[in-house]
PDB file of all heavy atoms in Angstrom:
ATOM      1  N   LYS A   1       0.832  -1.214   0.000  1.00  0.00           N
ATOM      2  CA  LYS A   1       0.000   0.000   0.000  1.00  0.00           C
ATOM      3  C   LYS A   1       0.860   1.256   0.000  1.00  0.00           C
ATOM      4  O   LYS A   1       0.575   2.226  -0.710  1.00  0.00           O
ATOM      5  CB  LYS A   1      -0.931  -0.007   1.217  1.00  0.00           C
ATOM      6  CG  LYS A   1      -1.955  -1.128   1.212  1.00  0.00           C
ATOM      7  CD  LYS A   1      -2.693  -1.174   2.548  1.00  0.00           C
ATOM      8  CE  LYS A   1      -3.571  -2.412   2.647  1.00  0.00           C
ATOM      9  NZ  LYS A   1      -4.201  -2.554   3.979  1.00  0.00           N
ATOM     10  N   GLN A   2       1.913   1.231   0.810  1.00  0.00           N
ATOM     11  CA  GLN A   2       2.790   2.399   0.867  1.00  0.00           C
ATOM     12  C   GLN A   2       3.516   2.605  -0.454  1.00  0.00           C
ATOM     13  O   GLN A   2       3.655   3.731  -0.933  1.00  0.00           O
ATOM     14  CB  GLN A   2       3.795   2.234   2.004  1.00  0.00           C
ATOM     15  CG  GLN A   2       4.616   3.487   2.299  1.00  0.00           C
ATOM     16  CD  GLN A   2       3.769   4.628   2.831  1.00  0.00           C
ATOM     17  OE1 GLN A   2       3.097   4.481   3.848  1.00  0.00           O
ATOM     18  NE2 GLN A   2       3.784   5.760   2.135  1.00  0.00           N
ATOM     19  N   LYS A   3       3.979   1.513  -1.055  1.00  0.00           N
ATOM     20  CA  LYS A   3       4.657   1.613  -2.347  1.00  0.00           C
ATOM     21  C   LYS A   3       3.707   2.131  -3.420  1.00  0.00           C
ATOM     22  O   LYS A   3       4.111   2.898  -4.309  1.00  0.00           O
ATOM     23  CB  LYS A   3       5.229   0.248  -2.751  1.00  0.00           C
ATOM     24  CG  LYS A   3       6.469  -0.169  -1.970  1.00  0.00           C
ATOM     25  CD  LYS A   3       7.009  -1.492  -2.479  1.00  0.00           C
ATOM     26  CE  LYS A   3       8.304  -1.861  -1.747  1.00  0.00           C
ATOM     27  NZ  LYS A   3       8.854  -3.160  -2.228  1.00  0.00           N
ATOM     28  N   PHE A   4       2.450   1.701  -3.345  1.00  0.00           N
ATOM     29  CA  PHE A   4       1.443   2.181  -4.294  1.00  0.00           C
ATOM     30  C   PHE A   4       1.282   3.691  -4.188  1.00  0.00           C
ATOM     31  O   PHE A   4       1.304   4.409  -5.199  1.00  0.00           O
ATOM     32  CB  PHE A   4       0.104   1.492  -4.023  1.00  0.00           C
ATOM     33  CG  PHE A   4      -1.037   2.048  -4.834  1.00  0.00           C
ATOM     34  CD1 PHE A   4      -1.294   1.562  -6.106  1.00  0.00           C
ATOM     35  CD2 PHE A   4      -1.856   3.050  -4.329  1.00  0.00           C
ATOM     36  CE1 PHE A   4      -2.338   2.080  -6.863  1.00  0.00           C
ATOM     37  CE2 PHE A   4      -2.901   3.566  -5.069  1.00  0.00           C
ATOM     38  CZ  PHE A   4      -3.142   3.080  -6.341  1.00  0.00           C
ATOM     39  N   LEU A   5       1.125   4.192  -2.960  1.00  0.00           N
ATOM     40  CA  LEU A   5       0.978   5.630  -2.752  1.00  0.00           C
ATOM     41  C   LEU A   5       2.195   6.396  -3.262  1.00  0.00           C
ATOM     42  O   LEU A   5       2.072   7.414  -3.942  1.00  0.00           O
ATOM     43  CB  LEU A   5       0.755   5.934  -1.270  1.00  0.00           C
ATOM     44  CG  LEU A   5      -0.646   5.748  -0.695  1.00  0.00           C
ATOM     45  CD1 LEU A   5      -0.659   6.089   0.790  1.00  0.00           C
ATOM     46  CD2 LEU A   5      -1.652   6.631  -1.424  1.00  0.00           C
ATOM     47  N   ASN A   6       3.372   5.905  -2.926  1.00  0.00           N
ATOM     48  CA  ASN A   6       4.600   6.587  -3.335  1.00  0.00           C
ATOM     49  C   ASN A   6       4.726   6.661  -4.857  1.00  0.00           C
ATOM     50  O   ASN A   6       5.063   7.707  -5.419  1.00  0.00           O
ATOM     51  CB  ASN A   6       5.822   5.885  -2.755  1.00  0.00           C
ATOM     52  CG  ASN A   6       5.895   5.986  -1.238  1.00  0.00           C
ATOM     53  OD1 ASN A   6       5.232   6.819  -0.628  1.00  0.00           O
ATOM     54  ND2 ASN A   6       6.679   5.127  -0.618  1.00  0.00           N
ATOM     55  N   SER A   7       4.454   5.539  -5.520  1.00  0.00           N
ATOM     56  CA  SER A   7       4.611   5.465  -6.970  1.00  0.00           C
ATOM     57  C   SER A   7       3.560   6.297  -7.699  1.00  0.00           C
ATOM     58  O   SER A   7       3.885   7.143  -8.541  1.00  0.00           O
ATOM     59  CB  SER A   7       4.531   4.009  -7.423  1.00  0.00           C
ATOM     60  OG  SER A   7       4.609   3.914  -8.832  1.00  0.00           O
ATOM     61  N   MET A   8       2.289   6.058  -7.368  1.00  0.00           N
ATOM     62  CA  MET A   8       1.212   6.749  -8.079  1.00  0.00           C
ATOM     63  C   MET A   8       1.246   8.255  -7.849  1.00  0.00           C
ATOM     64  O   MET A   8       1.098   9.053  -8.773  1.00  0.00           O
ATOM     65  CB  MET A   8      -0.149   6.185  -7.641  1.00  0.00           C
ATOM     66  CG  MET A   8      -0.403   4.749  -8.057  1.00  0.00           C
ATOM     67  SD  MET A   8      -0.479   4.498  -9.859  1.00  0.00           S
ATOM     68  CE  MET A   8       1.162   3.843 -10.179  1.00  0.00           C
ATOM     69  N   ASN A   9       1.451   8.666  -6.616  1.00  0.00           N
ATOM     70  CA  ASN A   9       1.446  10.097  -6.310  1.00  0.00           C
ATOM     71  C   ASN A   9       2.657  10.823  -6.884  1.00  0.00           C
ATOM     72  O   ASN A   9       2.604  12.024  -7.138  1.00  0.00           O
ATOM     73  CB  ASN A   9       1.347  10.324  -4.804  1.00  0.00           C
ATOM     74  CG  ASN A   9      -0.042  10.039  -4.274  1.00  0.00           C
ATOM     75  OD1 ASN A   9      -1.002   9.982  -5.041  1.00  0.00           O
ATOM     76  ND2 ASN A   9      -0.166   9.860  -2.974  1.00  0.00           N
ATOM     77  N   SER A  10       3.737  10.082  -7.077  1.00  0.00           N
ATOM     78  CA  SER A  10       4.914  10.672  -7.713  1.00  0.00           C
ATOM     79  C   SER A  10       4.589  11.065  -9.156  1.00  0.00           C
ATOM     80  O   SER A  10       4.885  12.187  -9.588  1.00  0.00           O
ATOM     81  CB  SER A  10       6.083   9.694  -7.681  1.00  0.00           C
ATOM     82  OG  SER A  10       7.187  10.207  -8.396  1.00  0.00           O
ATOM     83  N   TYR A  11       3.953  10.141  -9.891  1.00  0.00           N
ATOM     84  CA  TYR A  11       3.594  10.434 -11.281  1.00  0.00           C
ATOM     85  C   TYR A  11       2.481  11.471 -11.378  1.00  0.00           C
ATOM     86  O   TYR A  11       2.523  12.366 -12.231  1.00  0.00           O
ATOM     87  CB  TYR A  11       3.181   9.147 -12.005  1.00  0.00           C
ATOM     88  CG  TYR A  11       4.363   8.306 -12.424  1.00  0.00           C
ATOM     89  CD1 TYR A  11       4.722   7.165 -11.721  1.00  0.00           C
ATOM     90  CD2 TYR A  11       5.136   8.665 -13.536  1.00  0.00           C
ATOM     91  CE1 TYR A  11       5.815   6.406 -12.088  1.00  0.00           C
ATOM     92  CE2 TYR A  11       6.224   7.910 -13.918  1.00  0.00           C
ATOM     93  CZ  TYR A  11       6.566   6.776 -13.197  1.00  0.00           C
ATOM     94  OH  TYR A  11       7.649   6.041 -13.581  1.00  0.00           O
ATOM     95  N   LEU A  12       1.489  11.363 -10.507  1.00  0.00           N
ATOM     96  CA  LEU A  12       0.406  12.343 -10.528  1.00  0.00           C
ATOM     97  C   LEU A  12       0.925  13.737 -10.198  1.00  0.00           C
ATOM     98  O   LEU A  12       0.438  14.741 -10.740  1.00  0.00           O
ATOM     99  CB  LEU A  12      -0.686  11.942  -9.532  1.00  0.00           C
ATOM    100  CG  LEU A  12      -1.493  10.693  -9.899  1.00  0.00           C
ATOM    101  CD1 LEU A  12      -2.453  10.322  -8.771  1.00  0.00           C
ATOM    102  CD2 LEU A  12      -2.279  10.908 -11.193  1.00  0.00           C
ATOM    103  N   GLY A  13       1.922  13.799  -9.317  1.00  0.00           N
ATOM    104  CA  GLY A  13       2.523  15.081  -8.966  1.00  0.00           C
ATOM    105  C   GLY A  13       3.205  15.732 -10.157  1.00  0.00           C
ATOM    106  O   GLY A  13       3.187  16.962 -10.315  1.00  0.00           O
ATOM    107  N   ILE A  14       3.805  14.900 -11.015  1.00  0.00           N
ATOM    108  CA  ILE A  14       4.454  15.415 -12.225  1.00  0.00           C
ATOM    109  C   ILE A  14       3.410  15.833 -13.251  1.00  0.00           C
ATOM    110  O   ILE A  14       3.466  16.939 -13.818  1.00  0.00           O
ATOM    111  CB  ILE A  14       5.388  14.344 -12.830  1.00  0.00           C
ATOM    112  CG1 ILE A  14       6.555  14.046 -11.884  1.00  0.00           C
ATOM    113  CG2 ILE A  14       5.908  14.790 -14.199  1.00  0.00           C
ATOM    114  CD1 ILE A  14       7.388  12.845 -12.293  1.00  0.00           C
ATOM    115  N   MET A  15       2.424  14.986 -13.466  1.00  0.00           N
ATOM    116  CA  MET A  15       1.473  15.195 -14.563  1.00  0.00           C
ATOM    117  C   MET A  15       0.495  16.331 -14.301  1.00  0.00           C
ATOM    118  O   MET A  15      -0.052  16.907 -15.245  1.00  0.00           O
ATOM    119  CB  MET A  15       0.727  13.888 -14.827  1.00  0.00           C
ATOM    120  CG  MET A  15       1.628  12.757 -15.290  1.00  0.00           C
ATOM    121  SD  MET A  15       0.778  11.182 -15.514  1.00  0.00           S
ATOM    122  CE  MET A  15      -0.151  11.500 -17.021  1.00  0.00           C
ATOM    123  N   GLN A  16       0.261  16.672 -13.036  1.00  0.00           N
ATOM    124  CA  GLN A  16      -0.699  17.732 -12.731  1.00  0.00           C
ATOM    125  C   GLN A  16      -0.231  19.097 -13.215  1.00  0.00           C
ATOM    126  O   GLN A  16      -1.021  20.034 -13.304  1.00  0.00           O
ATOM    127  CB  GLN A  16      -0.971  17.798 -11.224  1.00  0.00           C
ATOM    128  CG  GLN A  16       0.221  18.227 -10.387  1.00  0.00           C
ATOM    129  CD  GLN A  16      -0.127  18.373  -8.925  1.00  0.00           C
ATOM    130  OE1 GLN A  16      -0.738  19.349  -8.518  1.00  0.00           O
ATOM    131  NE2 GLN A  16       0.249  17.378  -8.134  1.00  0.00           N
ATOM    132  N   HIS A  17       1.053  19.217 -13.543  1.00  0.00           N
ATOM    133  CA  HIS A  17       1.579  20.493 -14.034  1.00  0.00           C
ATOM    134  C   HIS A  17       1.272  20.711 -15.520  1.00  0.00           C
ATOM    135  O   HIS A  17       1.572  21.776 -16.056  1.00  0.00           O
ATOM    136  CB  HIS A  17       3.089  20.555 -13.814  1.00  0.00           C
ATOM    137  CG  HIS A  17       3.470  20.636 -12.363  1.00  0.00           C
ATOM    138  ND1 HIS A  17       3.544  21.825 -11.673  1.00  0.00           N
ATOM    139  CD2 HIS A  17       3.778  19.662 -11.466  1.00  0.00           C
ATOM    140  CE1 HIS A  17       3.890  21.594 -10.424  1.00  0.00           C
ATOM    141  NE2 HIS A  17       4.057  20.287 -10.264  1.00  0.00           N
ATOM    142  N   TYR A  18       0.678  19.701 -16.154  1.00  0.00           N
ATOM    143  CA  TYR A  18       0.339  19.812 -17.570  1.00  0.00           C
ATOM    144  C   TYR A  18      -1.158  19.563 -17.740  1.00  0.00           C
ATOM    145  O   TYR A  18      -1.839  19.132 -16.817  1.00  0.00           O
ATOM    146  CB  TYR A  18       1.149  18.793 -18.389  1.00  0.00           C
ATOM    147  CG  TYR A  18       2.628  18.835 -18.100  1.00  0.00           C
ATOM    148  CD1 TYR A  18       3.191  17.996 -17.132  1.00  0.00           C
ATOM    149  CD2 TYR A  18       3.459  19.722 -18.761  1.00  0.00           C
ATOM    150  CE1 TYR A  18       4.541  18.048 -16.844  1.00  0.00           C
ATOM    151  CE2 TYR A  18       4.810  19.772 -18.484  1.00  0.00           C
ATOM    152  CZ  TYR A  18       5.346  18.942 -17.520  1.00  0.00           C
ATOM    153  OH  TYR A  18       6.681  18.991 -17.230  1.00  0.00           O
ATOM    154  N   LYS A  19      -1.655  19.829 -18.915  1.00  0.00           N
ATOM    155  CA  LYS A  19      -3.086  19.628 -19.179  1.00  0.00           C
ATOM    156  C   LYS A  19      -3.353  18.150 -19.421  1.00  0.00           C
ATOM    157  O   LYS A  19      -3.542  17.697 -20.552  1.00  0.00           O
ATOM    158  CB  LYS A  19      -3.512  20.476 -20.378  1.00  0.00           C
ATOM    159  CG  LYS A  19      -3.405  21.977 -20.115  1.00  0.00           C
ATOM    160  CD  LYS A  19      -3.837  22.785 -21.336  1.00  0.00           C
ATOM    161  CE  LYS A  19      -3.738  24.285 -21.040  1.00  0.00           C
ATOM    162  NZ  LYS A  19      -4.143  25.110 -22.213  1.00  0.00           N
ATOM    163  N   THR A  20      -3.369  17.390 -18.339  1.00  0.00           N
ATOM    164  CA  THR A  20      -3.494  15.924 -18.444  1.00  0.00           C
ATOM    165  C   THR A  20      -4.620  15.376 -17.573  1.00  0.00           C
ATOM    166  O   THR A  20      -4.631  14.193 -17.266  1.00  0.00           O
ATOM    167  CB  THR A  20      -2.171  15.256 -18.021  1.00  0.00           C
ATOM    168  OG1 THR A  20      -1.864  15.637 -16.659  1.00  0.00           O
ATOM    169  CG2 THR A  20      -1.029  15.656 -18.930  1.00  0.00           C
ATOM    170  N   TYR A  21      -5.554  16.221 -17.171  1.00  0.00           N
ATOM    171  CA  TYR A  21      -6.615  15.774 -16.250  1.00  0.00           C
ATOM    172  C   TYR A  21      -7.374  14.567 -16.806  1.00  0.00           C
ATOM    173  O   TYR A  21      -7.497  13.533 -16.139  1.00  0.00           O
ATOM    174  CB  TYR A  21      -7.581  16.923 -15.968  1.00  0.00           C
ATOM    175  CG  TYR A  21      -8.804  16.508 -15.165  1.00  0.00           C
ATOM    176  CD1 TYR A  21      -8.695  16.228 -13.803  1.00  0.00           C
ATOM    177  CD2 TYR A  21     -10.050  16.385 -15.779  1.00  0.00           C
ATOM    178  CE1 TYR A  21      -9.820  15.838 -13.061  1.00  0.00           C
ATOM    179  CE2 TYR A  21     -11.171  15.997 -15.053  1.00  0.00           C
ATOM    180  CZ  TYR A  21     -11.046  15.722 -13.696  1.00  0.00           C
ATOM    181  OH  TYR A  21     -12.148  15.328 -12.975  1.00  0.00           O
ATOM    182  N   ASN A  22      -7.876  14.682 -18.023  1.00  0.00           N
ATOM    183  CA  ASN A  22      -8.629  13.578 -18.620  1.00  0.00           C
ATOM    184  C   ASN A  22      -7.742  12.358 -18.849  1.00  0.00           C
ATOM    185  O   ASN A  22      -8.181  11.212 -18.665  1.00  0.00           O
ATOM    186  CB  ASN A  22      -9.256  14.021 -19.944  1.00  0.00           C
ATOM    187  CG  ASN A  22     -10.392  15.009 -19.743  1.00  0.00           C
ATOM    188  OD1 ASN A  22     -11.095  14.947 -18.734  1.00  0.00           O
ATOM    189  ND2 ASN A  22     -10.573  15.922 -20.684  1.00  0.00           N
ATOM    190  N   MET A  23      -6.507  12.602 -19.240  1.00  0.00           N
ATOM    191  CA  MET A  23      -5.573  11.493 -19.452  1.00  0.00           C
ATOM    192  C   MET A  23      -5.340  10.724 -18.160  1.00  0.00           C
ATOM    193  O   MET A  23      -5.366   9.487 -18.148  1.00  0.00           O
ATOM    194  CB  MET A  23      -4.237  12.031 -19.995  1.00  0.00           C
ATOM    195  CG  MET A  23      -3.179  10.961 -20.215  1.00  0.00           C
ATOM    196  SD  MET A  23      -1.535  11.659 -20.509  1.00  0.00           S
ATOM    197  CE  MET A  23      -1.821  12.561 -22.026  1.00  0.00           C
ATOM    198  N   ARG A  24      -5.098  11.448 -17.068  1.00  0.00           N
ATOM    199  CA  ARG A  24      -4.857  10.799 -15.774  1.00  0.00           C
ATOM    200  C   ARG A  24      -6.049   9.944 -15.360  1.00  0.00           C
ATOM    201  O   ARG A  24      -5.899   8.784 -14.955  1.00  0.00           O
ATOM    202  CB  ARG A  24      -4.569  11.855 -14.703  1.00  0.00           C
ATOM    203  CG  ARG A  24      -3.158  12.405 -14.713  1.00  0.00           C
ATOM    204  CD  ARG A  24      -3.006  13.506 -13.698  1.00  0.00           C
ATOM    205  NE  ARG A  24      -3.413  14.802 -14.223  1.00  0.00           N
ATOM    206  CZ  ARG A  24      -3.888  15.801 -13.509  1.00  0.00           C
ATOM    207  NH1 ARG A  24      -4.045  15.662 -12.213  1.00  0.00           N
ATOM    208  NH2 ARG A  24      -4.203  16.959 -14.063  1.00  0.00           N
ATOM    209  N   LYS A  25      -7.237  10.525 -15.425  1.00  0.00           N
ATOM    210  CA  LYS A  25      -8.440   9.806 -15.014  1.00  0.00           C
ATOM    211  C   LYS A  25      -8.667   8.571 -15.881  1.00  0.00           C
ATOM    212  O   LYS A  25      -8.962   7.481 -15.370  1.00  0.00           O
ATOM    213  CB  LYS A  25      -9.651  10.733 -15.073  1.00  0.00           C
ATOM    214  CG  LYS A  25      -9.688  11.776 -13.966  1.00  0.00           C
ATOM    215  CD  LYS A  25     -11.020  12.493 -13.907  1.00  0.00           C
ATOM    216  CE  LYS A  25     -12.149  11.559 -13.508  1.00  0.00           C
ATOM    217  NZ  LYS A  25     -13.426  12.273 -13.353  1.00  0.00           N
ATOM    218  N   ASN A  26      -8.549   8.726 -17.186  1.00  0.00           N
ATOM    219  CA  ASN A  26      -8.799   7.604 -18.091  1.00  0.00           C
ATOM    220  C   ASN A  26      -7.796   6.471 -17.874  1.00  0.00           C
ATOM    221  O   ASN A  26      -8.170   5.289 -17.854  1.00  0.00           O
ATOM    222  CB  ASN A  26      -8.740   8.082 -19.545  1.00  0.00           C
ATOM    223  CG  ASN A  26      -9.915   8.968 -19.908  1.00  0.00           C
ATOM    224  OD1 ASN A  26     -10.972   8.890 -19.285  1.00  0.00           O
ATOM    225  ND2 ASN A  26      -9.735   9.823 -20.907  1.00  0.00           N
ATOM    226  N   MET A  27      -6.516   6.820 -17.711  1.00  0.00           N
ATOM    227  CA  MET A  27      -5.499   5.791 -17.516  1.00  0.00           C
ATOM    228  C   MET A  27      -5.733   5.024 -16.225  1.00  0.00           C
ATOM    229  O   MET A  27      -5.578   3.798 -16.179  1.00  0.00           O
ATOM    230  CB  MET A  27      -4.108   6.422 -17.508  1.00  0.00           C
ATOM    231  CG  MET A  27      -3.641   6.918 -18.866  1.00  0.00           C
ATOM    232  SD  MET A  27      -1.973   7.622 -18.837  1.00  0.00           S
ATOM    233  CE  MET A  27      -0.986   6.143 -18.575  1.00  0.00           C
ATOM    234  N   LEU A  28      -6.122   5.717 -15.180  1.00  0.00           N
ATOM    235  CA  LEU A  28      -6.320   5.061 -13.886  1.00  0.00           C
ATOM    236  C   LEU A  28      -7.603   4.234 -13.849  1.00  0.00           C
ATOM    237  O   LEU A  28      -7.594   3.076 -13.430  1.00  0.00           O
ATOM    238  CB  LEU A  28      -6.338   6.111 -12.768  1.00  0.00           C
ATOM    239  CG  LEU A  28      -4.981   6.752 -12.461  1.00  0.00           C
ATOM    240  CD1 LEU A  28      -5.140   7.970 -11.567  1.00  0.00           C
ATOM    241  CD2 LEU A  28      -4.042   5.747 -11.806  1.00  0.00           C
ATOM    242  N   PHE A  29      -8.711   4.802 -14.306  1.00  0.00           N
ATOM    243  CA  PHE A  29      -9.985   4.083 -14.228  1.00  0.00           C
ATOM    244  C   PHE A  29     -10.052   2.906 -15.187  1.00  0.00           C
ATOM    245  O   PHE A  29     -10.731   1.913 -14.923  1.00  0.00           O
ATOM    246  CB  PHE A  29     -11.154   5.042 -14.487  1.00  0.00           C
ATOM    247  CG  PHE A  29     -11.439   5.968 -13.338  1.00  0.00           C
ATOM    248  CD1 PHE A  29     -11.380   7.338 -13.506  1.00  0.00           C
ATOM    249  CD2 PHE A  29     -11.739   5.469 -12.075  1.00  0.00           C
ATOM    250  CE1 PHE A  29     -11.634   8.200 -12.444  1.00  0.00           C
ATOM    251  CE2 PHE A  29     -11.988   6.315 -11.006  1.00  0.00           C
ATOM    252  CZ  PHE A  29     -11.929   7.685 -11.190  1.00  0.00           C
ATOM    253  N   LYS A  30      -9.317   2.994 -16.288  1.00  0.00           N
ATOM    254  CA  LYS A  30      -9.336   1.905 -17.262  1.00  0.00           C
ATOM    255  C   LYS A  30      -8.347   0.786 -16.926  1.00  0.00           C
ATOM    256  O   LYS A  30      -8.569  -0.371 -17.266  1.00  0.00           O
ATOM    257  CB  LYS A  30      -9.030   2.450 -18.662  1.00  0.00           C
ATOM    258  CG  LYS A  30     -10.164   3.251 -19.272  1.00  0.00           C
ATOM    259  CD  LYS A  30      -9.798   3.710 -20.685  1.00  0.00           C
ATOM    260  CE  LYS A  30     -10.929   4.501 -21.321  1.00  0.00           C
ATOM    261  NZ  LYS A  30     -10.576   4.963 -22.700  1.00  0.00           N
ATOM    262  N   ASN A  31      -7.242   1.140 -16.273  1.00  0.00           N
ATOM    263  CA  ASN A  31      -6.152   0.167 -16.121  1.00  0.00           C
ATOM    264  C   ASN A  31      -5.871  -0.280 -14.688  1.00  0.00           C
ATOM    265  O   ASN A  31      -5.283  -1.350 -14.493  1.00  0.00           O
ATOM    266  CB  ASN A  31      -4.864   0.764 -16.709  1.00  0.00           C
ATOM    267  CG  ASN A  31      -4.982   1.068 -18.194  1.00  0.00           C
ATOM    268  OD1 ASN A  31      -5.105   0.170 -19.010  1.00  0.00           O
ATOM    269  ND2 ASN A  31      -4.936   2.346 -18.537  1.00  0.00           N
ATOM    270  N   LEU A  32      -6.245   0.494 -13.701  1.00  0.00           N
ATOM    271  CA  LEU A  32      -5.917   0.148 -12.317  1.00  0.00           C
ATOM    272  C   LEU A  32      -6.868  -0.910 -11.782  1.00  0.00           C
ATOM    273  O   LEU A  32      -8.096  -0.762 -11.868  1.00  0.00           O
ATOM    274  CB  LEU A  32      -5.966   1.404 -11.438  1.00  0.00           C
ATOM    275  CG  LEU A  32      -5.343   1.282 -10.046  1.00  0.00           C
ATOM    276  CD1 LEU A  32      -3.846   0.984 -10.146  1.00  0.00           C
ATOM    277  CD2 LEU A  32      -5.563   2.571  -9.263  1.00  0.00           C
ATOM    278  N   ASP A  33      -6.306  -1.974 -11.210  1.00  0.00           N
ATOM    279  CA  ASP A  33      -7.113  -3.069 -10.668  1.00  0.00           C
ATOM    280  C   ASP A  33      -8.089  -2.554  -9.603  1.00  0.00           C
ATOM    281  O   ASP A  33      -7.764  -1.671  -8.809  1.00  0.00           O
ATOM    282  CB  ASP A  33      -6.191  -4.122 -10.051  1.00  0.00           C
ATOM    283  CG  ASP A  33      -6.905  -5.424  -9.764  1.00  0.00           C
ATOM    284  OD1 ASP A  33      -7.658  -5.472  -8.765  1.00  0.00           O
ATOM    285  OD2 ASP A  33      -6.717  -6.385 -10.519  1.00  0.00           O
TER     286      ASP A  33
END
């Protein structure tokens, strides 16, 4: 669980600086178990 938080939030922290809102949501809801 801790590794999941560290990994996912690291990428989300990077991507939030760009216009990737829909991309982030789609990638997570479609691919995350």
